[in-house]
Amino acid sequence: MTLNPHDTDSGARVGASPVSTGKGLRSGTVGLLGAVALGLSSVAPAYSIAVTLGLVTMTVGHLAPAALLIGFVPILFTAFAFRELNRDMPDCGTTFVWNTRAFGPWTGWLIGSWVPTMASLFAMTALAQVSAGYLLSIVGLDGLAGDGTAVTVTGLVLLAGATVLARRGLQIATAVQYALLGLQLVALFGIGFAAFTRPGAATPSLSWLNPFAFQGAGPFAESVLLCLFIYWGWDALITVNEESNDADRVPGRAVLISTFVLLATYLFTAFAAVGYAGTGTTGIGLGNPANATDFLSALAPPLVGNALATVVQLAVCVSALSAMVTCLVGSGRGCLSMTAHGALPKVFARIHLRHRTPTVGTVFFGAATAVTLVVLKLASPRFLGDAILSIGLLIACYYGATAFACVWHFRHRLRASGRDLLFKGVLPLLGGLMMLAAFARSAYDMIAPDYGSTSFHGIGGVFLLGIGSVVLGIPLVLLVRRYFPRFFREGKTSVVRPTVNES
């Protein structure tokens, strides 16, 4: 892979001053390494594997590595779609712009913007809660860590700090992400090496990767759906494409690098954990329901001792924090792009004079996350859990639509070469079909009243929150159409230069 000669470790361009893009953003501030760091941080690898591997193991036992590998396939095929679309249309609006260009303004606004926004909101509430709970435990306030109100208040404080950091600019955010990501990877690989070298641990077997050993379609589908969540988030790095060096190439390369780094990290951790702890339903076994949502807390003390186990807890905490920052970075730029294309009020185009960041969009999304967290918490703590479970449905929806958008956008160019046919047609189409299947299967499973913690008139609360989020977007689009008729009439407009402000 050939790197841009202007890339540096910090992502800054050597010998040239960054200039503003047409939207007011500062170009040339993110290099390949910076983009990869942002992509990996937005996935929150330590947090994601900690809360998911136990659930996967409870579903398919020692075949958890196989589920991780198979769940990676539709993610990889969708990543190719993101790469090709970014090469042709590098815009910080990403899925909104691409789906609008392919399928029109209705699909662009609803599926390309509203659905990923809801997924991000639900995910951010979980990240705020998790980071707050871990932080309180790390500083010795275990009593407060078990108090829902204290955790929520702490989460709101951390969310405010993440919003300030995201508003300060990419150079600061990226530098922080290097440190936070490094801690996560050191913790995961450290736990993995300790597990592999511990006497008595089972020798990993290639049979754990056998995709034909699943007992029925139900466990297979459920485990793969769980794995969609574990990889989700790398697309946030695409939202900084207009601020990247070589904007049409660097983000696409970063997408593929970050997804393969995730695969390697997750498989290494899964093999080590299954080999050391086993899949039993007692003790430190990964099949123990008590370890389902945080297997690292169970494995770390016997593996590395209590002192280093605290470091592992810290890694999960900062994993959630770094993902919050990256989500805010991406969401603010998504609002900016929608405004530039005439699909949101002009106030969202206001750019900070010094930091060159979308001030209003970033702060608005941080505030929206805070409101969502408080409302779900006040309604019922169980609603918050079900909202998190519904994220997989929303992921499959907009990832799949973007994969199909790639095929449709490039449909007249697929015969140009074998490469175009494969990477712009065949692989994105397969990825879209897999995501569509995941969406249909997850919706079918979630409608059951015992799926999740809540139900209403015999319908699962997870289904109502997931499908309800999508349906809620329809009247919202009708309302938006009244105020932005030009966008819905033309599908796209000339880019509007943002208003620069100093606040």
Protein backbone atom coordinates (compact mmCIF):
# COMPACT_ATOMS: atom_id res chain seq x y z
CA MET A 1 0.00 0.00 0.00
CA THR A 2 1.42 3.37 -1.04
CA LEU A 3 1.08 6.08 1.53
CA ASN A 4 0.63 9.74 0.75
CA PRO A 5 4.08 11.33 0.98
CA HIS A 6 2.59 14.17 2.97
CA ASP A 7 1.20 11.89 5.70
CA THR A 8 2.79 12.13 9.10
CA ASP A 9 2.05 10.40 12.35
CA SER A 10 -0.06 13.31 13.45
CA GLY A 11 -2.00 13.39 10.22
CA ALA A 12 -0.82 16.91 9.36
CA ARG A 13 0.48 17.91 5.96
CA VAL A 14 4.14 18.85 5.85
CA GLY A 15 5.14 22.07 4.20
CA ALA A 16 1.63 23.34 3.61
CA SER A 17 -0.93 25.15 5.68
CA PRO A 18 -4.33 23.48 5.88
CA VAL A 19 -6.96 25.32 3.90
CA SER A 20 -10.72 25.50 4.28
CA THR A 21 -12.96 23.26 2.22
CA GLY A 22 -16.11 24.49 0.50
CA LYS A 23 -18.01 23.81 3.72
CA GLY A 24 -15.54 25.68 5.90
CA LEU A 25 -13.71 22.62 7.26
CA ARG A 26 -9.91 22.53 7.41
CA SER A 27 -8.49 20.19 4.77
CA GLY A 28 -5.27 18.25 5.12
CA THR A 29 -5.54 17.76 8.89
CA VAL A 30 -6.04 13.96 8.92
CA GLY A 31 -3.62 11.44 7.44
CA LEU A 32 -3.96 7.70 7.01
CA LEU A 33 -2.93 6.83 10.57
CA GLY A 34 -5.24 9.46 12.00
CA ALA A 35 -8.18 8.18 9.95
CA VAL A 36 -7.51 4.59 11.03
CA ALA A 37 -7.34 5.69 14.68
CA LEU A 38 -10.65 7.52 14.38
CA GLY A 39 -12.26 4.51 12.72
CA LEU A 40 -11.03 2.04 15.32
CA SER A 41 -11.90 4.37 18.20
CA SER A 42 -15.47 4.82 16.98
CA VAL A 43 -15.95 1.04 17.15
CA ALA A 44 -14.72 1.02 20.78
CA PRO A 45 -13.02 -2.40 20.42
CA ALA A 46 -12.40 -3.03 24.15
CA TYR A 47 -15.97 -2.12 25.06
CA SER A 48 -17.52 -3.94 22.09
CA ILE A 49 -15.72 -7.24 22.66
CA ALA A 50 -16.28 -7.02 26.43
CA VAL A 51 -20.07 -6.73 26.15
CA THR A 52 -20.58 -9.03 23.15
CA LEU A 53 -18.27 -12.05 23.29
CA GLY A 54 -20.04 -13.60 26.28
CA LEU A 55 -23.44 -13.26 24.59
CA VAL A 56 -22.07 -14.85 21.41
CA THR A 57 -20.55 -17.70 23.39
CA MET A 58 -23.83 -18.33 25.22
CA THR A 59 -25.46 -18.68 21.79
CA VAL A 60 -22.94 -20.82 19.87
CA GLY A 61 -20.39 -22.02 22.45
CA HIS A 62 -16.86 -22.63 21.20
CA LEU A 63 -17.90 -21.48 17.71
CA ALA A 64 -17.73 -17.85 18.84
CA PRO A 65 -14.62 -17.23 16.66
CA ALA A 66 -16.54 -18.61 13.67
CA ALA A 67 -19.39 -16.20 14.36
CA LEU A 68 -16.92 -13.30 14.54
CA LEU A 69 -15.41 -14.34 11.21
CA ILE A 70 -18.75 -14.81 9.44
CA GLY A 71 -20.11 -11.55 10.86
CA PHE A 72 -17.10 -9.82 9.35
CA VAL A 73 -18.00 -10.87 5.78
CA PRO A 74 -21.01 -8.52 5.22
CA ILE A 75 -19.07 -5.77 7.02
CA LEU A 76 -16.14 -6.21 4.62
CA PHE A 77 -18.35 -6.24 1.53
CA THR A 78 -20.10 -3.09 2.77
CA ALA A 79 -16.71 -1.50 3.44
CA PHE A 80 -15.86 -1.94 -0.25
CA ALA A 81 -19.06 -0.05 -1.09
CA PHE A 82 -18.08 2.79 1.25
CA ARG A 83 -14.61 2.92 -0.29
CA GLU A 84 -15.84 3.11 -3.88
CA LEU A 85 -18.53 5.68 -3.11
CA ASN A 86 -16.03 7.84 -1.22
CA ARG A 87 -13.64 7.76 -4.18
CA ASP A 88 -16.38 9.03 -6.46
CA MET A 89 -18.12 11.41 -4.03
CA PRO A 90 -15.88 12.44 -1.08
CA ASP A 91 -18.37 14.30 1.08
CA CYS A 92 -18.60 14.43 4.88
CA GLY A 93 -22.32 13.65 4.49
CA THR A 94 -21.37 10.08 3.42
CA THR A 95 -24.47 7.84 3.55
CA PHE A 96 -26.84 10.81 3.29
CA VAL A 97 -25.19 12.10 0.12
CA TRP A 98 -24.66 8.68 -1.45
CA ASN A 99 -28.19 7.42 -0.88
CA THR A 100 -29.61 10.73 -2.09
CA ARG A 101 -27.58 10.57 -5.31
CA ALA A 102 -28.55 6.94 -5.88
CA PHE A 103 -32.18 6.73 -4.76
CA GLY A 104 -33.38 10.30 -4.31
CA PRO A 105 -33.96 12.74 -1.44
CA TRP A 106 -36.55 10.68 0.44
CA THR A 107 -34.28 7.68 0.83
CA GLY A 108 -31.28 9.93 1.46
CA TRP A 109 -32.97 11.79 4.30
CA LEU A 110 -34.73 8.80 5.90
CA ILE A 111 -32.29 5.91 5.46
CA GLY A 112 -29.04 7.78 4.86
CA SER A 113 -29.45 10.26 7.70
CA TRP A 114 -32.29 9.57 10.13
CA VAL A 115 -31.62 5.85 10.65
CA PRO A 116 -27.86 6.20 11.35
CA THR A 117 -28.63 9.18 13.58
CA MET A 118 -30.99 7.08 15.71
CA ALA A 119 -28.45 4.25 15.86
CA SER A 120 -25.80 6.72 17.00
CA LEU A 121 -28.09 8.26 19.61
CA PHE A 122 -28.91 4.87 21.13
CA ALA A 123 -25.26 3.84 21.03
CA MET A 124 -24.13 7.10 22.63
CA THR A 125 -26.52 6.61 25.55
CA ALA A 126 -24.97 3.18 26.15
CA LEU A 127 -21.44 4.55 25.88
CA ALA A 128 -22.18 7.32 28.37
CA GLN A 129 -23.67 4.83 30.84
CA VAL A 130 -20.84 2.31 30.48
CA SER A 131 -18.01 4.83 30.74
CA ALA A 132 -19.64 6.40 33.81
CA GLY A 133 -20.14 3.07 35.57
CA TYR A 134 -16.57 1.96 34.96
CA LEU A 135 -15.15 5.31 35.99
CA LEU A 136 -16.98 5.28 39.30
CA SER A 137 -15.74 1.73 39.98
CA ILE A 138 -12.17 2.58 39.07
CA VAL A 139 -12.03 5.49 41.52
CA GLY A 140 -13.44 3.28 44.28
CA LEU A 141 -17.03 4.58 44.34
CA ASP A 142 -18.60 1.15 43.94
CA GLY A 143 -21.75 2.21 45.77
CA LEU A 144 -22.38 5.02 43.30
CA ALA A 145 -21.52 2.72 40.39
CA GLY A 146 -24.61 0.70 41.30
CA ASP A 147 -26.82 3.78 41.63
CA GLY A 148 -28.70 4.54 38.40
CA THR A 149 -29.02 8.26 39.10
CA ALA A 150 -25.34 8.68 39.93
CA VAL A 151 -24.31 6.79 36.80
CA THR A 152 -26.62 8.89 34.63
CA VAL A 153 -25.36 12.19 36.08
CA THR A 154 -21.74 11.09 35.65
CA GLY A 155 -22.52 9.99 32.11
CA LEU A 156 -23.94 13.44 31.31
CA VAL A 157 -20.77 15.09 32.63
CA LEU A 158 -18.57 12.81 30.51
CA LEU A 159 -20.80 13.49 27.49
CA ALA A 160 -20.35 17.23 27.99
CA GLY A 161 -16.58 16.77 28.10
CA ALA A 162 -16.62 14.66 24.94
CA THR A 163 -18.69 17.35 23.18
CA VAL A 164 -16.18 20.04 24.12
CA LEU A 165 -13.31 17.89 22.84
CA ALA A 166 -15.05 17.11 19.54
CA ARG A 167 -15.83 20.80 19.08
CA ARG A 168 -12.18 21.73 19.62
CA GLY A 169 -11.08 20.14 16.36
CA LEU A 170 -9.73 17.01 14.69
CA GLN A 171 -6.08 17.56 15.52
CA ILE A 172 -6.78 17.48 19.26
CA ALA A 173 -9.38 14.69 18.93
CA THR A 174 -7.05 12.52 16.86
CA ALA A 175 -4.11 12.97 19.24
CA VAL A 176 -6.31 11.91 22.16
CA GLN A 177 -7.59 8.92 20.18
CA TYR A 178 -4.04 7.61 19.64
CA ALA A 179 -3.52 7.38 23.39
CA LEU A 180 -6.94 5.93 24.16
CA LEU A 181 -6.78 3.40 21.31
CA GLY A 182 -3.28 2.35 22.34
CA LEU A 183 -4.49 1.58 25.87
CA GLN A 184 -7.35 -0.54 24.51
CA LEU A 185 -5.16 -2.62 22.21
CA VAL A 186 -2.50 -3.12 24.90
CA ALA A 187 -5.18 -4.32 27.33
CA LEU A 188 -6.82 -6.73 24.87
CA PHE A 189 -3.58 -8.23 23.56
CA GLY A 190 -2.15 -8.34 27.08
CA ILE A 191 -5.15 -10.35 28.31
CA GLY A 192 -4.88 -12.55 25.22
CA PHE A 193 -1.18 -13.34 25.68
CA ALA A 194 -1.71 -14.03 29.37
CA ALA A 195 -4.54 -16.45 28.54
CA PHE A 196 -2.56 -18.25 25.84
CA THR A 197 0.44 -18.79 28.10
CA ARG A 198 -1.50 -19.84 31.23
CA PRO A 199 -0.91 -23.53 32.09
CA GLY A 200 -4.01 -25.66 31.59
CA ALA A 201 -5.57 -23.49 28.91
CA ALA A 202 -7.08 -25.42 26.03
CA THR A 203 -5.16 -25.40 22.76
CA PRO A 204 -7.05 -23.34 20.16
CA SER A 205 -8.50 -25.39 17.32
CA LEU A 206 -9.30 -24.45 13.73
CA SER A 207 -12.62 -26.26 14.25
CA TRP A 208 -13.68 -23.19 16.24
CA LEU A 209 -13.78 -21.38 12.87
CA ASN A 210 -15.96 -24.00 11.14
CA PRO A 211 -18.97 -22.13 9.67
CA PHE A 212 -20.86 -25.41 9.05
CA ALA A 213 -20.86 -26.56 12.67
CA PHE A 214 -23.67 -24.30 13.89
CA GLN A 215 -26.68 -26.12 15.31
CA GLY A 216 -29.47 -24.63 13.23
CA ALA A 217 -30.18 -21.31 11.52
CA GLY A 218 -31.48 -19.61 14.68
CA PRO A 219 -28.25 -19.63 16.72
CA PHE A 220 -26.24 -18.88 13.58
CA ALA A 221 -28.32 -15.80 12.72
CA GLU A 222 -28.45 -14.54 16.30
CA SER A 223 -24.70 -14.79 16.78
CA VAL A 224 -23.95 -13.08 13.45
CA LEU A 225 -26.36 -10.25 14.32
CA LEU A 226 -24.52 -9.75 17.58
CA CYS A 227 -21.28 -9.56 15.61
CA LEU A 228 -22.64 -6.80 13.36
CA PHE A 229 -22.70 -4.58 16.44
CA ILE A 230 -19.16 -5.51 17.42
CA TYR A 231 -17.80 -4.20 14.09
CA TRP A 232 -20.14 -1.23 13.68
CA GLY A 233 -18.77 2.29 13.74
CA TRP A 234 -15.72 2.27 11.45
CA ASP A 235 -17.69 4.32 8.89
CA ALA A 236 -17.36 7.36 11.20
CA LEU A 237 -13.88 7.90 9.76
CA ILE A 238 -15.42 8.59 6.34
CA THR A 239 -17.10 11.70 7.73
CA VAL A 240 -13.68 13.39 7.95
CA ASN A 241 -12.92 12.71 4.28
CA GLU A 242 -13.00 16.40 3.34
CA GLU A 243 -10.41 17.09 6.04
CA SER A 244 -8.12 14.22 4.99
CA ASN A 245 -5.01 14.23 2.89
CA ASP A 246 -5.91 12.83 -0.54
CA ALA A 247 -9.61 12.83 0.36
CA ASP A 248 -10.74 10.39 -2.33
CA ARG A 249 -8.24 7.68 -1.34
CA VAL A 250 -7.04 7.94 2.28
CA PRO A 251 -10.47 7.38 3.93
CA GLY A 252 -11.15 4.36 1.71
CA ARG A 253 -7.83 2.79 2.62
CA ALA A 254 -8.45 3.56 6.27
CA VAL A 255 -11.82 1.79 6.10
CA LEU A 256 -10.24 -1.48 4.96
CA ILE A 257 -7.27 -1.25 7.33
CA SER A 258 -9.46 -0.57 10.36
CA THR A 259 -11.87 -3.42 9.60
CA PHE A 260 -9.04 -5.96 9.22
CA VAL A 261 -7.35 -4.71 12.41
CA LEU A 262 -10.66 -5.23 14.20
CA LEU A 263 -11.00 -8.75 12.82
CA ALA A 264 -7.49 -9.71 13.93
CA THR A 265 -7.98 -8.19 17.40
CA TYR A 266 -11.34 -9.86 17.96
CA LEU A 267 -10.27 -13.30 16.73
CA PHE A 268 -7.11 -13.22 18.86
CA THR A 269 -9.11 -12.22 21.94
CA ALA A 270 -11.86 -14.77 21.28
CA PHE A 271 -9.45 -17.68 20.78
CA ALA A 272 -7.56 -16.74 23.95
CA ALA A 273 -10.70 -16.29 26.06
CA VAL A 274 -12.43 -19.47 24.89
CA GLY A 275 -9.23 -21.47 25.36
CA TYR A 276 -8.59 -20.19 28.87
CA ALA A 277 -12.08 -19.77 30.35
CA GLY A 278 -14.00 -22.33 28.31
CA THR A 279 -17.70 -22.11 27.53
CA GLY A 280 -19.03 -23.37 30.85
CA THR A 281 -21.98 -21.82 32.62
CA THR A 282 -20.26 -21.42 35.99
CA GLY A 283 -17.23 -19.58 37.34
CA ILE A 284 -15.27 -17.65 34.74
CA GLY A 285 -16.78 -19.65 31.86
CA LEU A 286 -17.88 -17.50 28.95
CA GLY A 287 -21.23 -19.29 28.99
CA ASN A 288 -21.96 -18.02 32.50
CA PRO A 289 -24.83 -15.49 32.28
CA ALA A 290 -23.14 -13.47 35.03
CA ASN A 291 -20.22 -12.83 32.65
CA ALA A 292 -22.33 -12.29 29.54
CA THR A 293 -22.09 -8.52 29.31
CA ASP A 294 -18.53 -8.09 30.63
CA PHE A 295 -16.31 -11.15 30.35
CA LEU A 296 -13.15 -9.07 30.81
CA SER A 297 -14.04 -8.26 34.42
CA ALA A 298 -14.28 -11.99 35.16
CA LEU A 299 -11.09 -13.01 33.34
CA ALA A 300 -8.75 -10.16 34.22
CA PRO A 301 -8.22 -10.71 38.00
CA PRO A 302 -7.17 -14.40 37.80
CA LEU A 303 -5.07 -13.74 34.70
CA VAL A 304 -3.18 -10.55 35.52
CA GLY A 305 -3.99 -9.75 39.15
CA ASN A 306 -6.21 -7.10 40.67
CA ALA A 307 -3.90 -4.16 39.94
CA LEU A 308 -3.68 -4.83 36.20
CA ALA A 309 -7.37 -5.81 36.15
CA THR A 310 -8.06 -2.18 37.06
CA VAL A 311 -6.07 -1.17 33.96
CA VAL A 312 -8.33 -3.43 31.89
CA GLN A 313 -11.37 -1.72 33.40
CA LEU A 314 -9.80 1.61 32.52
CA ALA A 315 -9.33 0.40 28.93
CA VAL A 316 -13.03 -0.41 28.62
CA CYS A 317 -13.91 2.96 30.13
CA VAL A 318 -11.73 4.96 27.74
CA SER A 319 -12.94 2.76 24.89
CA ALA A 320 -16.46 4.03 25.47
CA LEU A 321 -15.23 7.60 25.94
CA SER A 322 -13.22 7.62 22.71
CA ALA A 323 -16.19 6.21 20.79
CA MET A 324 -18.35 9.05 22.12
CA VAL A 325 -15.88 11.63 20.84
CA THR A 326 -15.73 10.06 17.39
CA CYS A 327 -19.51 9.75 17.14
CA LEU A 328 -19.80 13.45 17.93
CA VAL A 329 -17.14 14.30 15.34
CA GLY A 330 -18.99 12.35 12.64
CA SER A 331 -22.50 13.48 13.54
CA GLY A 332 -21.61 17.17 13.51
CA ARG A 333 -20.13 16.84 10.04
CA GLY A 334 -23.17 14.93 8.83
CA CYS A 335 -25.37 17.85 9.88
CA LEU A 336 -23.01 20.25 8.14
CA SER A 337 -23.23 18.34 4.86
CA MET A 338 -27.02 18.13 5.00
CA THR A 339 -27.14 21.89 5.46
CA ALA A 340 -24.73 22.45 2.58
CA HIS A 341 -27.06 20.44 0.34
CA GLY A 342 -30.12 22.34 1.52
CA ALA A 343 -31.67 19.65 3.73
CA LEU A 344 -31.32 21.27 7.17
CA PRO A 345 -31.55 24.82 8.58
CA LYS A 346 -28.56 27.02 7.78
CA VAL A 347 -27.67 27.35 11.44
CA PHE A 348 -26.09 23.88 11.26
CA ALA A 349 -23.56 25.24 8.76
CA ARG A 350 -21.97 27.55 11.31
CA ILE A 351 -18.25 26.84 11.61
CA HIS A 352 -15.98 27.79 14.49
CA LEU A 353 -13.61 30.48 13.23
CA ARG A 354 -10.45 29.09 14.86
CA HIS A 355 -11.10 25.35 15.19
CA ARG A 356 -12.90 24.97 11.83
CA THR A 357 -15.40 22.53 13.30
CA PRO A 358 -19.20 22.44 12.85
CA THR A 359 -20.03 24.07 16.16
CA VAL A 360 -23.81 23.91 16.13
CA GLY A 361 -24.08 20.39 14.73
CA THR A 362 -21.62 18.98 17.25
CA VAL A 363 -23.22 20.66 20.27
CA PHE A 364 -26.72 19.83 19.03
CA PHE A 365 -25.94 16.13 18.76
CA GLY A 366 -24.34 16.11 22.20
CA ALA A 367 -27.44 17.77 23.65
CA ALA A 368 -29.76 15.38 21.77
CA THR A 369 -27.86 12.43 23.23
CA ALA A 370 -28.21 13.87 26.73
CA VAL A 371 -31.97 14.30 26.27
CA THR A 372 -32.33 10.77 24.89
CA LEU A 373 -30.41 9.32 27.84
CA VAL A 374 -32.52 11.18 30.41
CA VAL A 375 -35.85 10.39 28.72
CA LEU A 376 -35.11 6.67 28.38
CA LYS A 377 -33.82 6.54 31.94
CA LEU A 378 -36.87 8.30 33.35
CA ALA A 379 -39.25 6.16 31.31
CA SER A 380 -37.64 2.95 32.54
CA PRO A 381 -34.09 1.59 32.79
CA ARG A 382 -35.38 -1.38 30.81
CA PHE A 383 -36.20 0.89 27.84
CA LEU A 384 -32.57 1.98 27.72
CA GLY A 385 -31.44 -1.65 27.49
CA ASP A 386 -33.96 -2.42 24.74
CA ALA A 387 -32.89 0.67 22.80
CA ILE A 388 -29.35 -0.65 22.80
CA LEU A 389 -30.51 -4.06 21.57
CA SER A 390 -32.36 -2.43 18.66
CA ILE A 391 -29.16 -0.92 17.26
CA GLY A 392 -28.40 -4.05 15.20
CA LEU A 393 -31.63 -3.58 13.26
CA LEU A 394 -30.75 0.02 12.40
CA ILE A 395 -27.18 -0.92 11.43
CA ALA A 396 -28.35 -3.56 8.98
CA CYS A 397 -30.87 -1.09 7.52
CA TYR A 398 -28.53 1.74 6.55
CA TYR A 399 -25.44 -0.37 5.83
CA GLY A 400 -27.51 -2.49 3.45
CA ALA A 401 -29.05 0.55 1.76
CA THR A 402 -25.59 2.08 1.24
CA ALA A 403 -24.30 -1.15 -0.30
CA PHE A 404 -27.23 -1.17 -2.75
CA ALA A 405 -26.63 2.53 -3.44
CA CYS A 406 -23.10 1.66 -4.56
CA VAL A 407 -24.36 -0.93 -7.04
CA TRP A 408 -27.04 1.39 -8.41
CA HIS A 409 -24.80 4.46 -8.63
CA PHE A 410 -22.11 2.59 -10.58
CA ARG A 411 -24.50 0.41 -12.63
CA HIS A 412 -23.40 1.97 -15.94
CA ARG A 413 -19.69 1.49 -15.17
CA LEU A 414 -19.66 -2.13 -14.05
CA ARG A 415 -18.56 -3.38 -17.48
CA ALA A 416 -15.58 -1.05 -17.62
CA SER A 417 -13.27 -3.60 -15.98
CA GLY A 418 -13.21 -6.72 -13.89
CA ARG A 419 -12.20 -4.66 -10.91
CA ASP A 420 -15.21 -2.37 -11.25
CA LEU A 421 -17.55 -5.32 -11.60
CA LEU A 422 -16.16 -6.96 -8.46
CA PHE A 423 -15.71 -4.00 -6.09
CA LYS A 424 -18.51 -1.74 -7.29
CA GLY A 425 -21.02 -4.43 -8.16
CA VAL A 426 -20.68 -8.02 -6.97
CA LEU A 427 -19.23 -7.54 -3.47
CA PRO A 428 -21.45 -4.58 -2.48
CA LEU A 429 -24.49 -6.44 -3.82
CA LEU A 430 -23.65 -9.49 -1.72
CA GLY A 431 -23.05 -7.25 1.29
CA GLY A 432 -26.40 -5.53 0.78
CA LEU A 433 -28.24 -8.84 0.49
CA MET A 434 -26.58 -10.11 3.67
CA MET A 435 -27.54 -6.95 5.51
CA LEU A 436 -31.10 -7.25 4.20
CA ALA A 437 -31.26 -10.83 5.46
CA ALA A 438 -29.88 -9.71 8.83
CA PHE A 439 -32.50 -6.95 9.00
CA ALA A 440 -35.36 -9.34 8.19
CA ARG A 441 -34.15 -12.00 10.62
CA SER A 442 -33.56 -9.53 13.45
CA ALA A 443 -37.00 -7.94 12.94
CA TYR A 444 -38.58 -11.41 13.02
CA ASP A 445 -36.80 -12.33 16.25
CA MET A 446 -37.37 -8.96 17.93
CA ILE A 447 -41.14 -8.96 17.49
CA ALA A 448 -41.42 -11.69 20.13
CA PRO A 449 -42.63 -10.25 23.48
CA ASP A 450 -39.86 -12.00 25.40
CA TYR A 451 -37.10 -10.49 23.24
CA GLY A 452 -35.50 -7.90 25.51
CA SER A 453 -36.95 -6.50 28.71
CA THR A 454 -40.20 -4.84 27.62
CA SER A 455 -43.25 -5.55 25.47
CA PHE A 456 -46.45 -3.79 24.45
CA HIS A 457 -49.61 -5.66 23.49
CA GLY A 458 -47.62 -8.80 22.75
CA ILE A 459 -44.94 -7.06 20.65
CA GLY A 460 -41.35 -6.89 21.85
CA GLY A 461 -40.11 -3.51 23.00
CA VAL A 462 -36.87 -3.95 21.05
CA PHE A 463 -38.87 -4.34 17.83
CA LEU A 464 -41.00 -1.29 18.64
CA LEU A 465 -37.95 0.86 19.34
CA GLY A 466 -36.04 -0.36 16.27
CA ILE A 467 -38.82 -0.38 13.66
CA GLY A 468 -40.52 2.49 15.47
CA SER A 469 -37.41 4.63 15.02
CA VAL A 470 -37.50 4.03 11.28
CA VAL A 471 -41.26 4.65 11.02
CA LEU A 472 -40.98 7.81 13.11
CA GLY A 473 -38.68 9.19 10.44
CA ILE A 474 -41.48 9.15 7.82
CA PRO A 475 -43.62 11.96 9.31
CA LEU A 476 -40.41 13.80 10.13
CA VAL A 477 -39.38 13.70 6.47
CA LEU A 478 -42.85 14.95 5.49
CA LEU A 479 -42.38 17.86 7.88
CA VAL A 480 -38.87 18.63 6.64
CA ARG A 481 -40.13 18.55 3.05
CA ARG A 482 -42.40 21.52 3.76
CA TYR A 483 -39.45 23.66 4.84
CA PHE A 484 -36.89 22.48 2.27
CA PRO A 485 -38.90 21.90 -0.92
CA ARG A 486 -35.97 22.66 -3.19
CA PHE A 487 -33.92 19.75 -1.82
CA PHE A 488 -36.79 17.31 -2.19
CA ARG A 489 -37.62 18.67 -5.65
CA GLU A 490 -34.09 18.58 -7.04
CA GLY A 491 -32.47 15.94 -4.87
CA LYS A 492 -29.34 18.03 -4.52
CA THR A 493 -28.31 21.66 -4.61
CA SER A 494 -25.13 23.58 -5.03
CA VAL A 495 -23.06 23.59 -1.87
CA VAL A 496 -23.85 26.53 0.37
CA ARG A 497 -20.83 28.20 1.92
CA PRO A 498 -21.22 27.92 5.71
CA THR A 499 -21.53 30.90 7.97
CA VAL A 500 -18.39 31.33 10.06
CA ASN A 501 -18.84 32.28 13.67
CA GLU A 502 -16.46 32.86 16.53
CA SER A 503 -18.48 31.26 19.33
